[in-house]
C-alpha atoms as a PDB file:
ATOM      1  CA  MET A   1     -61.769  50.907  78.147  1.00  0.00           C
ATOM      2  CA  PHE A   2     -60.921  48.622  75.268  1.00  0.00           C
ATOM      3  CA  ASP A   3     -62.573  45.220  75.559  1.00  0.00           C
ATOM      4  CA  SER A   4     -60.184  42.497  74.282  1.00  0.00           C
ATOM      5  CA  ARG A   5     -62.396  39.551  74.988  1.00  0.00           C
ATOM      6  CA  GLY A   6     -62.435  37.054  72.167  1.00  0.00           C
ATOM      7  CA  LEU A   7     -59.143  38.257  70.698  1.00  0.00           C
ATOM      8  CA  PRO A   8     -55.966  36.127  70.738  1.00  0.00           C
ATOM      9  CA  ASP A   9     -53.262  36.895  73.282  1.00  0.00           C
ATOM     10  CA  TYR A  10     -50.504  39.141  72.128  1.00  0.00           C
ATOM     11  CA  PRO A  11     -48.007  37.811  71.225  1.00  0.00           C
ATOM     12  CA  PRO A  12     -49.609  34.460  70.394  1.00  0.00           C
ATOM     13  CA  PRO A  13     -48.485  31.667  72.786  1.00  0.00           C
ATOM     14  CA  HIS A  14     -45.858  29.284  71.353  1.00  0.00           C
ATOM     15  CA  ASN A  15     -43.018  27.026  72.505  1.00  0.00           C
ATOM     16  CA  ALA A  16     -39.843  29.069  72.276  1.00  0.00           C
ATOM     17  CA  TRP A  17     -37.730  25.859  71.915  1.00  0.00           C
ATOM     18  CA  GLN A  18     -39.716  24.365  69.103  1.00  0.00           C
ATOM     19  CA  PHE A  19     -37.881  24.472  65.793  1.00  0.00           C
ATOM     20  CA  PRO A  20     -38.569  22.720  62.542  1.00  0.00           C
ATOM     21  CA  PRO A  21     -36.604  19.435  62.191  1.00  0.00           C
ATOM     22  CA  PRO A  22     -33.356  19.800  60.264  1.00  0.00           C
ATOM     23  CA  LYS A  23     -33.319  18.587  56.716  1.00  0.00           C
ATOM     24  CA  VAL A  24     -31.636  15.206  56.303  1.00  0.00           C
ATOM     25  CA  SER A  25     -30.315  14.321  52.903  1.00  0.00           C
ATOM     26  CA  SER A  26     -31.299  10.915  51.576  1.00  0.00           C
ATOM     27  CA  ARG A  27     -27.594   9.989  51.354  1.00  0.00           C
ATOM     28  CA  TRP A  28     -27.116  10.327  55.137  1.00  0.00           C
ATOM     29  CA  LYS A  29     -30.340   8.459  55.799  1.00  0.00           C
ATOM     30  CA  TRP A  30     -29.165   5.468  53.718  1.00  0.00           C
ATOM     31  CA  LEU A  31     -25.717   5.623  55.338  1.00  0.00           C
ATOM     32  CA  ALA A  32     -27.313   5.415  58.799  1.00  0.00           C
ATOM     33  CA  ILE A  33     -29.481   2.470  57.740  1.00  0.00           C
ATOM     34  CA  GLY A  34     -26.464   0.710  56.229  1.00  0.00           C
ATOM     35  CA  ALA A  35     -24.389   1.247  59.383  1.00  0.00           C
ATOM     36  CA  SER A  36     -27.190  -0.168  61.532  1.00  0.00           C
ATOM     37  CA  VAL A  37     -27.524  -3.276  59.347  1.00  0.00           C
ATOM     38  CA  PHE A  38     -23.734  -3.763  59.309  1.00  0.00           C
ATOM     39  CA  GLY A  39     -23.574  -3.460  63.120  1.00  0.00           C
ATOM     40  CA  LEU A  40     -26.359  -6.009  63.521  1.00  0.00           C
ATOM     41  CA  VAL A  41     -24.673  -8.500  61.160  1.00  0.00           C
ATOM     42  CA  ALA A  42     -21.245  -8.007  62.795  1.00  0.00           C
ATOM     43  CA  GLY A  43     -22.694  -8.455  66.286  1.00  0.00           C
ATOM     44  CA  THR A  44     -24.532 -11.615  65.287  1.00  0.00           C
ATOM     45  CA  THR A  45     -21.397 -13.040  63.633  1.00  0.00           C
ATOM     46  CA  LEU A  46     -19.295 -12.295  66.727  1.00  0.00           C
ATOM     47  CA  LEU A  47     -21.862 -13.998  68.954  1.00  0.00           C
ATOM     48  CA  VAL A  48     -21.928 -17.111  66.742  1.00  0.00           C
ATOM     49  CA  VAL A  49     -18.120 -17.300  66.641  1.00  0.00           C
ATOM     50  CA  THR A  50     -17.891 -16.884  70.433  1.00  0.00           C
ATOM     51  CA  ILE A  51     -20.407 -19.674  71.006  1.00  0.00           C
ATOM     52  CA  ALA A  52     -18.612 -21.943  68.507  1.00  0.00           C
ATOM     53  CA  VAL A  53     -15.197 -21.353  70.077  1.00  0.00           C
ATOM     54  CA  GLY A  54     -16.586 -21.794  73.580  1.00  0.00           C
ATOM     55  CA  SER A  55     -18.235 -25.080  72.728  1.00  0.00           C
ATOM     56  CA  SER A  56     -15.350 -26.582  70.789  1.00  0.00           C
ATOM     57  CA  GLY A  57     -12.558 -25.486  73.132  1.00  0.00           C
ATOM     58  CA  MET A  58      -9.251 -23.890  72.262  1.00  0.00           C
ATOM     59  CA  ASP A  59      -6.558 -25.898  70.522  1.00  0.00           C
ATOM     60  CA  GLY A  60      -4.108 -27.401  72.993  1.00  0.00           C
ATOM     61  CA  VAL A  61      -5.992 -26.127  76.058  1.00  0.00           C
ATOM     62  CA  ILE A  62      -7.807 -28.305  78.582  1.00  0.00           C
ATOM     63  CA  ASP A  63     -10.899 -26.330  79.542  1.00  0.00           C
ATOM     64  CA  ASP A  64     -13.625 -28.724  80.690  1.00  0.00           C
ATOM     65  CA  PRO A  65     -14.449 -27.632  84.273  1.00  0.00           C
ATOM     66  CA  ASP A  66     -15.223 -31.168  85.500  1.00  0.00           C
ATOM     67  CA  LEU A  67     -11.960 -32.496  84.093  1.00  0.00           C
ATOM     68  CA  ILE A  68      -9.985 -29.567  85.483  1.00  0.00           C
ATOM     69  CA  SER A  69     -11.423 -30.269  88.937  1.00  0.00           C
ATOM     70  CA  VAL A  70     -10.174 -33.877  88.747  1.00  0.00           C
ATOM     71  CA  ILE A  71      -6.769 -32.793  87.445  1.00  0.00           C
ATOM     72  CA  GLU A  72      -6.307 -30.176  90.168  1.00  0.00           C
ATOM     73  CA  SER A  73      -7.056 -32.674  92.913  1.00  0.00           C
ATOM     74  CA  GLN A  74      -4.738 -35.370  91.549  1.00  0.00           C
ATOM     75  CA  CYS A  75      -2.009 -32.882  90.632  1.00  0.00           C
ATOM     76  CA  ASP A  76      -1.990 -31.342  94.119  1.00  0.00           C
ATOM     77  CA  GLU A  77      -1.495 -34.793  95.607  1.00  0.00           C
ATOM     78  CA  MET A  78       1.321 -35.609  93.169  1.00  0.00           C
ATOM     79  CA  THR A  79       3.069 -32.281  93.797  1.00  0.00           C
ATOM     80  CA  THR A  80       2.902 -32.737  97.577  1.00  0.00           C
ATOM     81  CA  THR A  81       4.380 -36.238  97.296  1.00  0.00           C
ATOM     82  CA  VAL A  82       7.135 -35.176  94.881  1.00  0.00           C
ATOM     83  CA  GLU A  83       8.181 -32.249  97.042  1.00  0.00           C
ATOM     84  CA  SER A  84       8.317 -34.486 100.128  1.00  0.00           C
ATOM     85  CA  LEU A  85      10.958 -36.667  98.415  1.00  0.00           C
ATOM     86  CA  PRO A  86      14.103 -34.516  98.203  1.00  0.00           C
ATOM     87  CA  ILE A  87      16.891 -35.656  95.903  1.00  0.00           C
ATOM     88  CA  GLN A  88      19.991 -35.919  98.079  1.00  0.00           C
ATOM     89  CA  GLY A  89      22.700 -38.264  99.277  1.00  0.00           C
ATOM     90  CA  SER A  90      24.589 -40.778  97.165  1.00  0.00           C
ATOM     91  CA  ALA A  91      23.903 -41.300  93.473  1.00  0.00           C
ATOM     92  CA  ARG A  92      21.993 -44.469  94.327  1.00  0.00           C
ATOM     93  CA  ARG A  93      19.894 -42.645  96.892  1.00  0.00           C
ATOM     94  CA  GLN A  94      19.180 -39.858  94.389  1.00  0.00           C
ATOM     95  CA  GLY A  95      18.089 -42.407  91.786  1.00  0.00           C
ATOM     96  CA  GLU A  96      15.745 -44.064  94.274  1.00  0.00           C
ATOM     97  CA  SER A  97      14.154 -40.685  95.132  1.00  0.00           C
ATOM     98  CA  ILE A  98      13.633 -39.965  91.444  1.00  0.00           C
ATOM     99  CA  LEU A  99      11.935 -43.339  90.938  1.00  0.00           C
ATOM    100  CA  GLN A 100       9.667 -42.665  93.923  1.00  0.00           C
ATOM    101  CA  GLN A 101       8.759 -39.285  92.434  1.00  0.00           C
ATOM    102  CA  ASN A 102       7.998 -41.024  89.143  1.00  0.00           C
ATOM    103  CA  ALA A 103       5.688 -43.413  90.970  1.00  0.00           C
ATOM    104  CA  ALA A 104       3.755 -40.349  92.193  1.00  0.00           C
ATOM    105  CA  ILE A 105       3.493 -39.124  88.587  1.00  0.00           C
ATOM    106  CA  ARG A 106       2.105 -42.475  87.450  1.00  0.00           C
ATOM    107  CA  GLU A 107      -0.373 -42.535  90.320  1.00  0.00           C
ATOM    108  CA  MET A 108      -1.571 -39.101  89.223  1.00  0.00           C
ATOM    109  CA  ILE A 109      -2.013 -40.295  85.629  1.00  0.00           C
ATOM    110  CA  SER A 110      -3.943 -43.362  86.808  1.00  0.00           C
ATOM    111  CA  GLY A 111      -6.045 -41.284  89.209  1.00  0.00           C
ATOM    112  CA  ILE A 112      -7.014 -38.771  86.519  1.00  0.00           C
ATOM    113  CA  THR A 113      -7.800 -41.522  84.006  1.00  0.00           C
ATOM    114  CA  ALA A 114      -9.962 -43.434  86.492  1.00  0.00           C
ATOM    115  CA  ALA A 115     -11.783 -40.417  87.958  1.00  0.00           C
ATOM    116  CA  ALA A 116     -12.425 -38.648  84.648  1.00  0.00           C
ATOM    117  CA  GLY A 117     -13.282 -41.701  82.585  1.00  0.00           C
ATOM    118  CA  PRO A 118     -12.694 -42.200  78.862  1.00  0.00           C
ATOM    119  CA  GLU A 119     -15.652 -40.091  77.716  1.00  0.00           C
ATOM    120  CA  LEU A 120     -14.645 -36.944  79.612  1.00  0.00           C
ATOM    121  CA  LEU A 121     -11.049 -37.287  78.409  1.00  0.00           C
ATOM    122  CA  ALA A 122     -12.219 -37.837  74.815  1.00  0.00           C
ATOM    123  CA  ASP A 123     -14.449 -34.735  74.999  1.00  0.00           C
ATOM    124  CA  ASP A 124     -11.399 -32.572  75.791  1.00  0.00           C
ATOM    125  CA  PRO A 125      -8.739 -34.008  73.424  1.00  0.00           C
ATOM    126  CA  PRO A 126      -5.692 -32.037  74.692  1.00  0.00           C
ATOM    127  CA  SER A 127      -6.020 -33.969  77.974  1.00  0.00           C
ATOM    128  CA  THR A 128      -4.928 -37.228  76.349  1.00  0.00           C
ATOM    129  CA  ALA A 129      -1.809 -35.613  74.860  1.00  0.00           C
ATOM    130  CA  TRP A 130      -1.103 -33.908  78.201  1.00  0.00           C
ATOM    131  CA  LEU A 131      -1.224 -37.236  80.064  1.00  0.00           C
ATOM    132  CA  ALA A 132       1.038 -38.771  77.404  1.00  0.00           C
ATOM    133  CA  ASP A 133       3.524 -35.932  78.027  1.00  0.00           C
ATOM    134  CA  TRP A 134       3.564 -36.823  81.729  1.00  0.00           C
ATOM    135  CA  SER A 135       4.325 -40.442  80.799  1.00  0.00           C
ATOM    136  CA  SER A 136       7.153 -39.324  78.495  1.00  0.00           C
ATOM    137  CA  LEU A 137       8.621 -37.162  81.244  1.00  0.00           C
ATOM    138  CA  SER A 138       8.523 -39.982  83.800  1.00  0.00           C
ATOM    139  CA  GLU A 139      10.146 -42.396  81.307  1.00  0.00           C
ATOM    140  CA  ALA A 140      12.998 -39.940  80.659  1.00  0.00           C
ATOM    141  CA  ARG A 141      13.446 -39.575  84.408  1.00  0.00           C
ATOM    142  CA  ASP A 142      13.497 -43.393  84.780  1.00  0.00           C
ATOM    143  CA  THR A 143      16.399 -43.587  82.312  1.00  0.00           C
ATOM    144  CA  TYR A 144      18.228 -40.878  84.247  1.00  0.00           C
ATOM    145  CA  ALA A 145      17.596 -42.553  87.625  1.00  0.00           C
ATOM    146  CA  PHE A 146      18.805 -45.985  86.458  1.00  0.00           C
ATOM    147  CA  ALA A 147      21.991 -44.425  85.054  1.00  0.00           C
ATOM    148  CA  LEU A 148      22.612 -42.736  88.402  1.00  0.00           C
ATOM    149  CA  MET A 149      22.039 -45.976  90.292  1.00  0.00           C
ATOM    150  CA  ASP A 150      24.424 -47.833  87.975  1.00  0.00           C
ATOM    151  CA  GLY A 151      27.143 -45.266  88.647  1.00  0.00           C
ATOM    152  CA  GLU A 152      27.157 -44.002  85.068  1.00  0.00           C
ATOM    153  CA  PRO A 153      27.502 -40.353  84.064  1.00  0.00           C
ATOM    154  CA  ALA A 154      23.891 -39.237  83.898  1.00  0.00           C
ATOM    155  CA  THR A 155      22.094 -36.277  82.386  1.00  0.00           C
ATOM    156  CA  LEU A 156      18.349 -35.887  82.282  1.00  0.00           C
ATOM    157  CA  GLU A 157      17.350 -35.663  78.614  1.00  0.00           C
ATOM    158  CA  LEU A 158      14.005 -33.908  78.680  1.00  0.00           C
ATOM    159  CA  PRO A 159      11.610 -34.823  75.871  1.00  0.00           C
ATOM    160  CA  THR A 160      10.855 -31.980  73.453  1.00  0.00           C
ATOM    161  CA  ASP A 161       7.797 -30.976  71.463  1.00  0.00           C
ATOM    162  CA  ASP A 162       7.553 -30.516  67.678  1.00  0.00           C
ATOM    163  CA  GLN A 163       9.094 -27.053  67.969  1.00  0.00           C
ATOM    164  CA  GLY A 164      12.089 -28.282  69.937  1.00  0.00           C
ATOM    165  CA  ARG A 165      10.942 -26.824  73.272  1.00  0.00           C
ATOM    166  CA  ASP A 166      11.216 -28.848  76.463  1.00  0.00           C
ATOM    167  CA  ILE A 167       7.984 -30.766  76.867  1.00  0.00           C
ATOM    168  CA  TYR A 168       7.108 -29.286  80.255  1.00  0.00           C
ATOM    169  CA  VAL A 169       6.532 -25.881  78.600  1.00  0.00           C
ATOM    170  CA  ARG A 170       3.666 -27.363  76.603  1.00  0.00           C
ATOM    171  CA  MET A 171       2.419 -29.175  79.708  1.00  0.00           C
ATOM    172  CA  ASP A 172       2.273 -25.916  81.682  1.00  0.00           C
ATOM    173  CA  ASP A 173       0.535 -24.157  78.780  1.00  0.00           C
ATOM    174  CA  ALA A 174      -2.278 -26.735  78.650  1.00  0.00           C
ATOM    175  CA  PHE A 175      -4.476 -24.634  80.974  1.00  0.00           C
ATOM    176  CA  LEU A 176      -5.828 -21.099  80.886  1.00  0.00           C
ATOM    177  CA  ASP A 177      -5.084 -20.788  84.601  1.00  0.00           C
ATOM    178  CA  ASP A 178      -1.373 -21.139  85.376  1.00  0.00           C
ATOM    179  CA  SER A 179      -2.119 -22.632  88.788  1.00  0.00           C
ATOM    180  CA  THR A 180      -4.138 -25.644  87.571  1.00  0.00           C
ATOM    181  CA  CYS A 181      -1.222 -28.080  87.324  1.00  0.00           C
ATOM    182  CA  ARG A 182       2.309 -26.810  86.849  1.00  0.00           C
ATOM    183  CA  VAL A 183       5.192 -29.229  86.483  1.00  0.00           C
ATOM    184  CA  PRO A 184       7.212 -29.012  89.723  1.00  0.00           C
ATOM    185  CA  GLU A 185      10.719 -27.682  89.110  1.00  0.00           C
ATOM    186  CA  VAL A 186      12.352 -30.711  90.747  1.00  0.00           C
ATOM    187  CA  LEU A 187      10.877 -32.969  88.043  1.00  0.00           C
ATOM    188  CA  VAL A 188      12.724 -31.174  85.249  1.00  0.00           C
ATOM    189  CA  ASN A 189      15.795 -30.139  87.218  1.00  0.00           C
ATOM    190  CA  PRO A 190      16.570 -33.015  89.603  1.00  0.00           C
ATOM    191  CA  GLU A 191      20.055 -31.915  90.602  1.00  0.00           C
ATOM    192  CA  PRO A 192      20.486 -32.170  94.402  1.00  0.00           C
ATOM    193  CA  ASP A 193      21.415 -28.504  94.857  1.00  0.00           C
ATOM    194  CA  ASP A 194      18.333 -27.349  92.901  1.00  0.00           C
ATOM    195  CA  ALA A 195      15.699 -29.712  94.307  1.00  0.00           C
ATOM    196  CA  SER A 196      12.865 -27.310  94.896  1.00  0.00           C
ATOM    197  CA  GLY A 197       9.269 -27.293  93.760  1.00  0.00           C
ATOM    198  CA  VAL A 198       7.380 -24.554  91.997  1.00  0.00           C
END
């Protein structure tokens, strides 16, 4: 019998799935390196821009969480008061209700200013303009209420922004969350038949 000791196995053992690596042209290698560097630079730039936008805030948007908490609390109180004062009855009675609603607006403005403090308001600049818009709205409503009480033909002339839109549109757009502090409908449409809040 043939003695095969010391001879290699037949066929020689090898990994059937082992193949030589494919050839990669130098052009594709440099393209892959370039794409990796570009992705790293783009990702870093996006991160820096995101941090910068997040820290500086968006134009025209109140986004400081502490300030928003104060505004929500004061705005809820104002809205509850305004909606508990329906505009009805004689012209004089309607004018008195409007003035009482305006007092609730001014209490809200004072409450936000006192609770937030000047530094917090200054750190989120749109808040100052937003409070000024509330003052402008209450002043326009004062004019309307006094005309009603004097028996004159009265129409509420809503203040407008630089683009000619009613000011309450900008006031509602001052927050990322629509529910933070919306202007109640009765404040911009005080007709007795339409006295409902949003």
